[in-house]
Amino acid sequence: MDKQGQEKFLSFILERVQDGKEDEARAILKENFRKQDEGTFSQQEIQEFVPKMIGLIKPERLEEVQAVVRKFSGDFGNR
């Protein structure tokens, strides 16, 4: 994912995070983006990322976020 895609993904997620959890979500996402940029981001990181983020997302937005993450992880796996 390029920098522009990362920023869009970050904004998308942060708009759907529970109040007060934005900083935690931002830190998790920035760490994942750093690993992507370094080429060290793996399918295992995706599998660790999902449960962490589920706990931060507003329950009513969870299905929407999961759909986007599934698409992202699928695209990542096709590289």
Protein backbone atom coordinates (compact mmCIF):
# COMPACT_ATOMS: atom_id res chain seq x y z
CA MET A 1 0.00 0.00 0.00
CA ASP A 2 1.44 3.37 -0.94
CA LYS A 3 1.55 6.36 1.43
CA GLN A 4 -1.69 7.79 0.05
CA GLY A 5 -3.43 4.43 0.53
CA GLN A 6 -2.05 4.20 4.06
CA GLU A 7 -3.42 7.63 4.94
CA LYS A 8 -6.86 6.76 3.52
CA PHE A 9 -6.88 3.47 5.45
CA LEU A 10 -5.79 5.27 8.63
CA SER A 11 -8.56 7.85 8.26
CA PHE A 12 -11.13 5.16 7.49
CA ILE A 13 -10.22 3.19 10.61
CA LEU A 14 -9.91 6.18 12.93
CA GLU A 15 -13.42 7.36 11.97
CA ARG A 16 -14.74 3.99 13.17
CA VAL A 17 -12.73 3.58 16.38
CA GLN A 18 -14.36 3.85 19.79
CA ASP A 19 -14.04 7.24 21.47
CA GLY A 20 -10.77 7.50 23.35
CA LYS A 21 -9.13 4.64 21.43
CA GLU A 22 -7.84 6.71 18.51
CA ASP A 23 -4.24 7.00 19.75
CA GLU A 24 -3.97 3.26 20.34
CA ALA A 25 -5.38 2.50 16.89
CA ARG A 26 -3.10 5.06 15.26
CA ALA A 27 -0.03 3.52 16.94
CA ILE A 28 -0.95 0.01 15.76
CA LEU A 29 -1.57 1.20 12.21
CA LYS A 30 1.61 3.29 12.03
CA GLU A 31 3.66 0.28 13.19
CA ASN A 32 2.06 -1.88 10.49
CA PHE A 33 2.72 0.80 7.86
CA ARG A 34 6.38 0.99 8.97
CA LYS A 35 6.71 -2.77 8.52
CA GLN A 36 5.08 -2.52 5.09
CA ASP A 37 7.53 0.20 4.07
CA GLU A 38 10.45 -1.95 5.27
CA GLY A 39 9.10 -5.01 3.50
CA THR A 40 8.79 -6.98 6.75
CA PHE A 41 4.99 -6.96 6.99
CA SER A 42 3.68 -10.51 6.77
CA GLN A 43 0.45 -12.47 6.79
CA GLN A 44 1.16 -13.19 10.46
CA GLU A 45 1.10 -9.45 11.22
CA ILE A 46 -2.28 -9.22 9.53
CA GLN A 47 -3.55 -12.08 11.70
CA GLU A 48 -2.27 -10.28 14.83
CA PHE A 49 -3.59 -6.91 13.67
CA VAL A 50 -7.20 -8.01 13.24
CA PRO A 51 -7.94 -9.05 16.86
CA LYS A 52 -6.22 -5.94 18.21
CA MET A 53 -8.30 -3.68 16.00
CA ILE A 54 -11.58 -5.52 16.64
CA GLY A 55 -11.32 -4.48 20.28
CA LEU A 56 -10.96 -0.83 19.28
CA ILE A 57 -13.69 -0.52 16.63
CA LYS A 58 -17.20 0.67 17.43
CA PRO A 59 -19.39 -2.47 17.48
CA GLU A 60 -21.83 -1.03 14.96
CA ARG A 61 -18.95 -0.40 12.48
CA LEU A 62 -17.19 -3.73 12.93
CA GLU A 63 -18.69 -5.53 9.93
CA GLU A 64 -17.78 -2.67 7.61
CA VAL A 65 -14.19 -2.57 8.89
CA GLN A 66 -13.80 -6.35 8.67
CA ALA A 67 -14.87 -6.27 5.01
CA VAL A 68 -12.22 -3.66 4.18
CA VAL A 69 -9.53 -5.49 6.15
CA ARG A 70 -10.39 -8.76 4.37
CA LYS A 71 -10.01 -7.03 1.03
CA PHE A 72 -6.72 -5.49 2.10
CA SER A 73 -5.34 -8.76 3.45
CA GLY A 74 -6.42 -10.55 0.29
CA ASP A 75 -4.66 -7.97 -1.86
CA PHE A 76 -1.58 -8.27 0.35
CA GLY A 77 -1.53 -12.04 -0.06
CA ASN A 78 -1.56 -11.67 -3.86
CA ARG A 79 1.73 -9.79 -3.97
